[in-house]
Amino acid sequence: MKLVVDVMSCEDTINSILHFQTDDSSLYWRETLFQVYPSLDKSKGLDAVWDARKEYLCEQLRLLYLQVENDLTVKAKIFNQYWLEKKDEVTEVFSKVFQIDCENILDDMTAQISLNPICPRDIHCHFFTVFYRYGKEQFLMTAIHEMVHFVWFLIWHKHFKDSVSHYDAPHLEWLLSEMVIDTFVHHSDIGIFFDSSRIEKPAYRYFYDMKVKGEPILAMLEEFYLSATSITDFMEKAIQYCRENEECIRKQVL
């Protein structure tokens, strides 16, 4: 498992943020930017028509990027060093939890430091972003979160031999992979990398209110995980449950 951290360019940063600000994006995602950057004018950046919003946000984000550009480079050095310090421990834990030898997998992981507080990823390229205001512990928690997805889908694809296009939103396989972040953080040794700032709710917030037939969905995944005979047994039980209850689940996705 290898990871290299560098700095996202200004234009790529802007595009990354704008991806979550389009009319197709829910307020759940769009409002985060204005909570993190209260100096942004919500009437111009959130409430106006798209073309006006885009022009305003591009201008403001370029200014913000220039203000912190030197800090981004410093953070990249700090995060790279911290990963090297933690790499062996992370690899050992992942090997135990996922029941495979993780020493020689995922040698192509990259992360870029960005102004985007949402931290999107590319599951196929083993790439993710890190919010520039994070400290090294928050960086590691973000990295662990993404690595769970990467290893999960390596095992998943080998087992199910399905279409990798389903590993992205809005497919059910993607949605399940987001839910099981909570399962692994709370019910495996992966949780040792999470501190009080994220251990309570390490997955998307709306999962913690999601219920199927009155039962919290994360509690059901916990039962499947703790009773599973293997990781793939857990995967099979979890995806079957999600498929049987897909309509109910999707009604609760924000």
C-alpha atoms as a PDB file:
ATOM      1  CA  MET A   1       0.000   0.000   0.000  1.00  0.00           C
ATOM      2  CA  LYS A   2       1.594   3.218  -1.184  1.00  0.00           C
ATOM      3  CA  LEU A   3       0.224   6.738  -1.075  1.00  0.00           C
ATOM      4  CA  VAL A   4       1.585   9.989  -2.487  1.00  0.00           C
ATOM      5  CA  VAL A   5       0.098  13.331  -1.481  1.00  0.00           C
ATOM      6  CA  ASP A   6       0.476  16.490  -3.533  1.00  0.00           C
ATOM      7  CA  VAL A   7      -1.361  19.751  -4.198  1.00  0.00           C
ATOM      8  CA  MET A   8      -4.381  20.103  -6.460  1.00  0.00           C
ATOM      9  CA  SER A   9      -4.120  22.905  -9.000  1.00  0.00           C
ATOM     10  CA  CYS A  10      -6.317  25.979  -8.749  1.00  0.00           C
ATOM     11  CA  GLU A  11      -8.417  25.077 -11.788  1.00  0.00           C
ATOM     12  CA  ASP A  12      -8.869  21.476 -10.700  1.00  0.00           C
ATOM     13  CA  THR A  13      -9.846  22.688  -7.244  1.00  0.00           C
ATOM     14  CA  ILE A  14     -12.491  24.988  -8.676  1.00  0.00           C
ATOM     15  CA  ASN A  15     -13.872  22.233 -10.906  1.00  0.00           C
ATOM     16  CA  SER A  16     -13.961  19.820  -7.977  1.00  0.00           C
ATOM     17  CA  ILE A  17     -16.002  22.262  -5.916  1.00  0.00           C
ATOM     18  CA  LEU A  18     -18.327  23.273  -8.753  1.00  0.00           C
ATOM     19  CA  HIS A  19     -19.166  19.612  -9.335  1.00  0.00           C
ATOM     20  CA  PHE A  20     -21.137  19.713  -6.076  1.00  0.00           C
ATOM     21  CA  GLN A  21     -22.744  23.109  -6.747  1.00  0.00           C
ATOM     22  CA  THR A  22     -24.756  22.364  -9.887  1.00  0.00           C
ATOM     23  CA  ASP A  23     -28.555  22.410  -9.962  1.00  0.00           C
ATOM     24  CA  ASP A  24     -28.478  18.593  -9.913  1.00  0.00           C
ATOM     25  CA  SER A  25     -26.750  18.558  -6.529  1.00  0.00           C
ATOM     26  CA  SER A  26     -28.857  18.467  -3.379  1.00  0.00           C
ATOM     27  CA  LEU A  27     -28.623  21.155  -0.717  1.00  0.00           C
ATOM     28  CA  TYR A  28     -27.036  18.500   1.516  1.00  0.00           C
ATOM     29  CA  TRP A  29     -23.892  18.884  -0.601  1.00  0.00           C
ATOM     30  CA  ARG A  30     -24.197  22.473  -1.806  1.00  0.00           C
ATOM     31  CA  GLU A  31     -24.605  24.115   1.594  1.00  0.00           C
ATOM     32  CA  THR A  32     -21.407  22.588   2.985  1.00  0.00           C
ATOM     33  CA  LEU A  33     -19.268  25.052   1.028  1.00  0.00           C
ATOM     34  CA  PHE A  34     -21.003  28.046   2.589  1.00  0.00           C
ATOM     35  CA  GLN A  35     -20.771  26.610   6.074  1.00  0.00           C
ATOM     36  CA  VAL A  36     -17.013  26.188   5.676  1.00  0.00           C
ATOM     37  CA  TYR A  37     -16.482  29.540   3.932  1.00  0.00           C
ATOM     38  CA  PRO A  38     -18.903  31.994   5.622  1.00  0.00           C
ATOM     39  CA  SER A  39     -17.326  34.887   3.718  1.00  0.00           C
ATOM     40  CA  LEU A  40     -19.039  33.624   0.559  1.00  0.00           C
ATOM     41  CA  ASP A  41     -22.257  35.450  -0.283  1.00  0.00           C
ATOM     42  CA  LYS A  42     -25.024  32.831  -0.229  1.00  0.00           C
ATOM     43  CA  SER A  43     -27.355  34.970  -2.314  1.00  0.00           C
ATOM     44  CA  LYS A  44     -24.756  35.005  -5.105  1.00  0.00           C
ATOM     45  CA  GLY A  45     -23.238  31.583  -4.679  1.00  0.00           C
ATOM     46  CA  LEU A  46     -26.181  29.469  -3.553  1.00  0.00           C
ATOM     47  CA  ASP A  47     -29.455  31.113  -4.493  1.00  0.00           C
ATOM     48  CA  ALA A  48     -28.793  32.723  -7.885  1.00  0.00           C
ATOM     49  CA  VAL A  49     -29.170  31.032 -11.280  1.00  0.00           C
ATOM     50  CA  TRP A  50     -26.389  28.602 -12.232  1.00  0.00           C
ATOM     51  CA  ASP A  51     -24.433  30.793 -14.665  1.00  0.00           C
ATOM     52  CA  ALA A  52     -24.277  33.648 -12.162  1.00  0.00           C
ATOM     53  CA  ARG A  53     -23.402  31.274  -9.317  1.00  0.00           C
ATOM     54  CA  LYS A  54     -20.633  29.694 -11.345  1.00  0.00           C
ATOM     55  CA  GLU A  55     -19.075  33.023 -12.300  1.00  0.00           C
ATOM     56  CA  TYR A  56     -19.174  34.274  -8.705  1.00  0.00           C
ATOM     57  CA  LEU A  57     -17.769  31.077  -7.218  1.00  0.00           C
ATOM     58  CA  CYS A  58     -14.948  30.833  -9.759  1.00  0.00           C
ATOM     59  CA  GLU A  59     -13.843  34.362  -8.922  1.00  0.00           C
ATOM     60  CA  GLN A  60     -14.009  33.873  -5.159  1.00  0.00           C
ATOM     61  CA  LEU A  61     -12.378  30.453  -5.166  1.00  0.00           C
ATOM     62  CA  ARG A  62      -9.415  31.709  -7.164  1.00  0.00           C
ATOM     63  CA  LEU A  63      -8.883  34.421  -4.563  1.00  0.00           C
ATOM     64  CA  LEU A  64      -9.125  31.892  -1.735  1.00  0.00           C
ATOM     65  CA  TYR A  65      -6.676  29.565  -3.459  1.00  0.00           C
ATOM     66  CA  LEU A  66      -4.065  32.301  -3.875  1.00  0.00           C
ATOM     67  CA  GLN A  67      -4.350  33.149  -0.178  1.00  0.00           C
ATOM     68  CA  VAL A  68      -3.520  29.610   0.974  1.00  0.00           C
ATOM     69  CA  GLU A  69      -1.349  28.304  -1.856  1.00  0.00           C
ATOM     70  CA  ASN A  70       1.829  28.176   0.260  1.00  0.00           C
ATOM     71  CA  ASP A  71      -0.028  26.404   3.064  1.00  0.00           C
ATOM     72  CA  LEU A  72      -1.090  23.665   0.644  1.00  0.00           C
ATOM     73  CA  THR A  73       2.523  22.810  -0.153  1.00  0.00           C
ATOM     74  CA  VAL A  74       3.429  22.671   3.529  1.00  0.00           C
ATOM     75  CA  LYS A  75       0.482  20.376   4.263  1.00  0.00           C
ATOM     76  CA  ALA A  76       1.499  18.021   1.463  1.00  0.00           C
ATOM     77  CA  LYS A  77       4.909  17.510   3.086  1.00  0.00           C
ATOM     78  CA  ILE A  78       3.353  16.952   6.518  1.00  0.00           C
ATOM     79  CA  PHE A  79       0.808  14.444   5.218  1.00  0.00           C
ATOM     80  CA  ASN A  80       3.345  12.485   3.187  1.00  0.00           C
ATOM     81  CA  GLN A  81       5.583  12.129   6.217  1.00  0.00           C
ATOM     82  CA  TYR A  82       2.707  11.087   8.473  1.00  0.00           C
ATOM     83  CA  TRP A  83       1.579   8.440   6.000  1.00  0.00           C
ATOM     84  CA  LEU A  84       5.067   6.935   5.951  1.00  0.00           C
ATOM     85  CA  GLU A  85       4.975   6.781   9.753  1.00  0.00           C
ATOM     86  CA  LYS A  86       1.598   5.003   9.768  1.00  0.00           C
ATOM     87  CA  LYS A  87       1.842   2.900   6.607  1.00  0.00           C
ATOM     88  CA  ASP A  88       2.986  -0.373   8.200  1.00  0.00           C
ATOM     89  CA  GLU A  89       0.360  -0.212  10.942  1.00  0.00           C
ATOM     90  CA  VAL A  90      -2.403   0.573   8.454  1.00  0.00           C
ATOM     91  CA  THR A  91      -1.320  -2.277   6.188  1.00  0.00           C
ATOM     92  CA  GLU A  92      -1.295  -4.746   9.058  1.00  0.00           C
ATOM     93  CA  VAL A  93      -4.771  -3.746  10.223  1.00  0.00           C
ATOM     94  CA  PHE A  94      -6.249  -3.841   6.718  1.00  0.00           C
ATOM     95  CA  SER A  95      -4.756  -7.274   6.097  1.00  0.00           C
ATOM     96  CA  LYS A  96      -6.399  -8.572   9.262  1.00  0.00           C
ATOM     97  CA  VAL A  97      -9.785  -6.949   8.702  1.00  0.00           C
ATOM     98  CA  PHE A  98     -10.135  -7.781   5.003  1.00  0.00           C
ATOM     99  CA  GLN A  99      -8.533 -11.207   5.318  1.00  0.00           C
ATOM    100  CA  ILE A 100      -6.040 -10.655   2.485  1.00  0.00           C
ATOM    101  CA  ASP A 101      -2.381  -9.676   2.277  1.00  0.00           C
ATOM    102  CA  CYS A 102      -2.493  -5.905   1.724  1.00  0.00           C
ATOM    103  CA  GLU A 103       1.270  -5.451   1.593  1.00  0.00           C
ATOM    104  CA  ASN A 104       1.510  -5.504  -2.188  1.00  0.00           C
ATOM    105  CA  ILE A 105      -1.831  -4.016  -3.254  1.00  0.00           C
ATOM    106  CA  LEU A 106      -2.849  -0.409  -3.861  1.00  0.00           C
ATOM    107  CA  ASP A 107       0.641   0.775  -4.725  1.00  0.00           C
ATOM    108  CA  ASP A 108      -0.833   3.547  -6.899  1.00  0.00           C
ATOM    109  CA  MET A 109      -2.879   5.588  -4.414  1.00  0.00           C
ATOM    110  CA  THR A 110      -2.706   9.360  -4.775  1.00  0.00           C
ATOM    111  CA  ALA A 111      -4.253  12.206  -2.829  1.00  0.00           C
ATOM    112  CA  GLN A 112      -4.407  15.902  -3.561  1.00  0.00           C
ATOM    113  CA  ILE A 113      -4.877  18.678  -1.050  1.00  0.00           C
ATOM    114  CA  SER A 114      -7.803  20.859  -2.004  1.00  0.00           C
ATOM    115  CA  LEU A 115     -10.084  23.658  -0.835  1.00  0.00           C
ATOM    116  CA  ASN A 116     -13.038  21.332  -1.341  1.00  0.00           C
ATOM    117  CA  PRO A 117     -14.420  20.287   2.079  1.00  0.00           C
ATOM    118  CA  ILE A 118     -16.328  17.337   0.585  1.00  0.00           C
ATOM    119  CA  CYS A 119     -13.207  15.364  -0.452  1.00  0.00           C
ATOM    120  CA  PRO A 120     -14.389  13.403  -3.528  1.00  0.00           C
ATOM    121  CA  ARG A 121     -12.559  10.361  -4.862  1.00  0.00           C
ATOM    122  CA  ASP A 122     -12.077   8.354  -8.043  1.00  0.00           C
ATOM    123  CA  ILE A 123     -12.523   4.723  -7.077  1.00  0.00           C
ATOM    124  CA  HIS A 124     -11.061   3.457 -10.362  1.00  0.00           C
ATOM    125  CA  CYS A 125      -7.861   5.525 -10.183  1.00  0.00           C
ATOM    126  CA  HIS A 126      -7.399   5.075  -6.417  1.00  0.00           C
ATOM    127  CA  PHE A 127      -7.431   8.850  -6.064  1.00  0.00           C
ATOM    128  CA  PHE A 128      -8.993  11.085  -3.422  1.00  0.00           C
ATOM    129  CA  THR A 129      -8.793  14.652  -2.183  1.00  0.00           C
ATOM    130  CA  VAL A 130      -8.030  15.994   1.277  1.00  0.00           C
ATOM    131  CA  PHE A 131      -9.351  19.227   2.730  1.00  0.00           C
ATOM    132  CA  TYR A 132      -6.481  21.644   3.294  1.00  0.00           C
ATOM    133  CA  ARG A 133      -7.580  22.626   6.802  1.00  0.00           C
ATOM    134  CA  TYR A 134      -7.169  19.083   8.109  1.00  0.00           C
ATOM    135  CA  GLY A 135      -4.453  18.226  10.562  1.00  0.00           C
ATOM    136  CA  LYS A 136      -2.430  15.073  10.055  1.00  0.00           C
ATOM    137  CA  GLU A 137      -4.838  12.954  12.121  1.00  0.00           C
ATOM    138  CA  GLN A 138      -7.827  14.124  10.072  1.00  0.00           C
ATOM    139  CA  PHE A 139      -5.837  13.464   6.912  1.00  0.00           C
ATOM    140  CA  LEU A 140      -5.211   9.884   8.036  1.00  0.00           C
ATOM    141  CA  MET A 141      -8.883   9.330   8.867  1.00  0.00           C
ATOM    142  CA  THR A 142      -9.836  10.570   5.407  1.00  0.00           C
ATOM    143  CA  ALA A 143      -7.225   8.314   3.818  1.00  0.00           C
ATOM    144  CA  ILE A 144      -8.411   5.290   5.821  1.00  0.00           C
ATOM    145  CA  HIS A 145     -12.012   6.008   4.795  1.00  0.00           C
ATOM    146  CA  GLU A 146     -11.029   5.986   1.129  1.00  0.00           C
ATOM    147  CA  MET A 147      -8.777   2.948   1.473  1.00  0.00           C
ATOM    148  CA  VAL A 148     -11.708   0.997   2.882  1.00  0.00           C
ATOM    149  CA  HIS A 149     -13.524   1.721  -0.379  1.00  0.00           C
ATOM    150  CA  PHE A 150     -10.502   0.775  -2.472  1.00  0.00           C
ATOM    151  CA  VAL A 151      -9.906  -2.567  -0.754  1.00  0.00           C
ATOM    152  CA  TRP A 152     -13.641  -3.290  -0.501  1.00  0.00           C
ATOM    153  CA  PHE A 153     -14.093  -2.988  -4.248  1.00  0.00           C
ATOM    154  CA  LEU A 154     -10.920  -4.926  -5.070  1.00  0.00           C
ATOM    155  CA  ILE A 155     -12.372  -7.870  -3.161  1.00  0.00           C
ATOM    156  CA  TRP A 156     -15.900  -7.167  -4.393  1.00  0.00           C
ATOM    157  CA  HIS A 157     -14.970  -7.211  -8.087  1.00  0.00           C
ATOM    158  CA  LYS A 158     -12.925 -10.383  -7.740  1.00  0.00           C
ATOM    159  CA  HIS A 159     -15.877 -12.068  -6.042  1.00  0.00           C
ATOM    160  CA  PHE A 160     -18.885 -10.767  -7.997  1.00  0.00           C
ATOM    161  CA  LYS A 161     -17.177 -10.054 -11.349  1.00  0.00           C
ATOM    162  CA  ASP A 162     -19.736  -7.313 -12.005  1.00  0.00           C
ATOM    163  CA  SER A 163     -19.554  -3.976 -13.815  1.00  0.00           C
ATOM    164  CA  VAL A 164     -17.109  -1.544 -12.238  1.00  0.00           C
ATOM    165  CA  SER A 165     -19.412   1.275 -13.348  1.00  0.00           C
ATOM    166  CA  HIS A 166     -21.664   0.284 -10.448  1.00  0.00           C
ATOM    167  CA  TYR A 167     -18.992   1.332  -7.958  1.00  0.00           C
ATOM    168  CA  ASP A 168     -19.909   4.994  -8.456  1.00  0.00           C
ATOM    169  CA  ALA A 169     -22.994   6.967  -7.452  1.00  0.00           C
ATOM    170  CA  PRO A 170     -25.897   6.482  -7.701  1.00  0.00           C
ATOM    171  CA  HIS A 171     -25.647   2.696  -7.948  1.00  0.00           C
ATOM    172  CA  LEU A 172     -26.646   0.527  -5.013  1.00  0.00           C
ATOM    173  CA  GLU A 173     -23.195  -1.068  -4.785  1.00  0.00           C
ATOM    174  CA  TRP A 174     -21.714   2.402  -4.245  1.00  0.00           C
ATOM    175  CA  LEU A 175     -24.337   3.262  -1.651  1.00  0.00           C
ATOM    176  CA  LEU A 176     -23.613   0.088   0.318  1.00  0.00           C
ATOM    177  CA  SER A 177     -19.876   0.835   0.237  1.00  0.00           C
ATOM    178  CA  GLU A 178     -20.604   4.167   1.907  1.00  0.00           C
ATOM    179  CA  MET A 179     -22.715   2.516   4.596  1.00  0.00           C
ATOM    180  CA  VAL A 180     -20.100  -0.080   5.531  1.00  0.00           C
ATOM    181  CA  ILE A 181     -17.632   2.638   6.490  1.00  0.00           C
ATOM    182  CA  ASP A 182     -19.584   2.800   9.747  1.00  0.00           C
ATOM    183  CA  THR A 183     -19.484  -0.983  10.092  1.00  0.00           C
ATOM    184  CA  PHE A 184     -15.714  -1.200   9.779  1.00  0.00           C
ATOM    185  CA  VAL A 185     -14.981   1.804  11.980  1.00  0.00           C
ATOM    186  CA  HIS A 186     -17.204   0.575  14.808  1.00  0.00           C
ATOM    187  CA  HIS A 187     -16.737  -3.181  14.568  1.00  0.00           C
ATOM    188  CA  SER A 188     -13.172  -3.796  13.427  1.00  0.00           C
ATOM    189  CA  ASP A 189      -9.662  -2.645  14.245  1.00  0.00           C
ATOM    190  CA  ILE A 190      -9.975   0.037  11.570  1.00  0.00           C
ATOM    191  CA  GLY A 191     -11.653   2.081  14.297  1.00  0.00           C
ATOM    192  CA  ILE A 192      -8.323   2.583  16.076  1.00  0.00           C
ATOM    193  CA  PHE A 193      -7.402   5.195  13.475  1.00  0.00           C
ATOM    194  CA  PHE A 194     -10.479   7.319  14.227  1.00  0.00           C
ATOM    195  CA  ASP A 195     -10.651   9.841  17.052  1.00  0.00           C
ATOM    196  CA  SER A 196     -13.598  11.494  18.787  1.00  0.00           C
ATOM    197  CA  SER A 197     -14.065  14.014  15.978  1.00  0.00           C
ATOM    198  CA  ARG A 198     -15.244  11.329  13.531  1.00  0.00           C
ATOM    199  CA  ILE A 199     -15.727   8.016  15.264  1.00  0.00           C
ATOM    200  CA  GLU A 200     -19.345   8.647  16.252  1.00  0.00           C
ATOM    201  CA  LYS A 201     -20.540   9.192  12.680  1.00  0.00           C
ATOM    202  CA  PRO A 202     -17.800   8.273  10.205  1.00  0.00           C
ATOM    203  CA  ALA A 203     -20.235   7.712   7.297  1.00  0.00           C
ATOM    204  CA  TYR A 204     -22.725  10.093   5.655  1.00  0.00           C
ATOM    205  CA  ARG A 205     -24.940  11.702   8.254  1.00  0.00           C
ATOM    206  CA  TYR A 206     -28.231  10.598   6.723  1.00  0.00           C
ATOM    207  CA  PHE A 207     -27.388   6.921   7.188  1.00  0.00           C
ATOM    208  CA  TYR A 208     -27.823   7.340  10.944  1.00  0.00           C
ATOM    209  CA  ASP A 209     -31.511   8.139  10.525  1.00  0.00           C
ATOM    210  CA  MET A 210     -32.129   5.581   7.770  1.00  0.00           C
ATOM    211  CA  LYS A 211     -34.493   2.750   8.666  1.00  0.00           C
ATOM    212  CA  VAL A 212     -35.974  -0.230   6.850  1.00  0.00           C
ATOM    213  CA  LYS A 213     -39.199  -1.613   8.340  1.00  0.00           C
ATOM    214  CA  GLY A 214     -38.463   0.324  11.514  1.00  0.00           C
ATOM    215  CA  GLU A 215     -34.967  -1.140  11.913  1.00  0.00           C
ATOM    216  CA  PRO A 216     -31.887   1.112  11.580  1.00  0.00           C
ATOM    217  CA  ILE A 217     -30.072  -0.011   8.462  1.00  0.00           C
ATOM    218  CA  LEU A 218     -26.644   0.343  10.063  1.00  0.00           C
ATOM    219  CA  ALA A 219     -27.746  -1.991  12.856  1.00  0.00           C
ATOM    220  CA  MET A 220     -28.695  -4.594  10.250  1.00  0.00           C
ATOM    221  CA  LEU A 221     -25.294  -4.282   8.580  1.00  0.00           C
ATOM    222  CA  GLU A 222     -23.684  -4.728  11.988  1.00  0.00           C
ATOM    223  CA  GLU A 223     -25.566  -8.011  12.453  1.00  0.00           C
ATOM    224  CA  PHE A 224     -24.526  -9.216   8.998  1.00  0.00           C
ATOM    225  CA  TYR A 225     -20.884  -8.332   9.644  1.00  0.00           C
ATOM    226  CA  LEU A 226     -20.630  -9.903  13.081  1.00  0.00           C
ATOM    227  CA  SER A 227     -22.299 -13.138  11.935  1.00  0.00           C
ATOM    228  CA  ALA A 228     -20.491 -13.405   8.586  1.00  0.00           C
ATOM    229  CA  THR A 229     -18.053 -16.235   7.963  1.00  0.00           C
ATOM    230  CA  SER A 230     -15.927 -14.085   5.637  1.00  0.00           C
ATOM    231  CA  ILE A 231     -15.776 -10.657   4.039  1.00  0.00           C
ATOM    232  CA  THR A 232     -17.472 -11.971   0.910  1.00  0.00           C
ATOM    233  CA  ASP A 233     -20.194 -13.603   3.010  1.00  0.00           C
ATOM    234  CA  PHE A 234     -20.822 -10.176   4.555  1.00  0.00           C
ATOM    235  CA  MET A 235     -20.895  -8.592   1.096  1.00  0.00           C
ATOM    236  CA  GLU A 236     -23.431 -11.119  -0.199  1.00  0.00           C
ATOM    237  CA  LYS A 237     -25.781 -10.723   2.755  1.00  0.00           C
ATOM    238  CA  ALA A 238     -25.513  -6.924   2.740  1.00  0.00           C
ATOM    239  CA  ILE A 239     -26.143  -6.405  -0.988  1.00  0.00           C
ATOM    240  CA  GLN A 240     -29.034  -8.869  -0.996  1.00  0.00           C
ATOM    241  CA  TYR A 241     -30.641  -6.945   1.862  1.00  0.00           C
ATOM    242  CA  CYS A 242     -30.119  -3.630   0.047  1.00  0.00           C
ATOM    243  CA  ARG A 243     -31.571  -4.975  -3.199  1.00  0.00           C
ATOM    244  CA  GLU A 244     -34.624  -6.324  -1.410  1.00  0.00           C
ATOM    245  CA  ASN A 245     -35.204  -2.941   0.194  1.00  0.00           C
ATOM    246  CA  GLU A 246     -33.829  -0.618  -2.492  1.00  0.00           C
ATOM    247  CA  GLU A 247     -36.969   1.476  -2.915  1.00  0.00           C
ATOM    248  CA  CYS A 248     -37.182   2.194   0.800  1.00  0.00           C
ATOM    249  CA  ILE A 249     -33.458   2.997   1.004  1.00  0.00           C
ATOM    250  CA  ARG A 250     -33.432   5.362  -1.956  1.00  0.00           C
ATOM    251  CA  LYS A 251     -36.320   7.391  -0.564  1.00  0.00           C
ATOM    252  CA  GLN A 252     -34.068   8.286   2.374  1.00  0.00           C
ATOM    253  CA  VAL A 253     -30.938   9.241   0.417  1.00  0.00           C
ATOM    254  CA  LEU A 254     -30.190  12.972   0.489  1.00  0.00           C
END
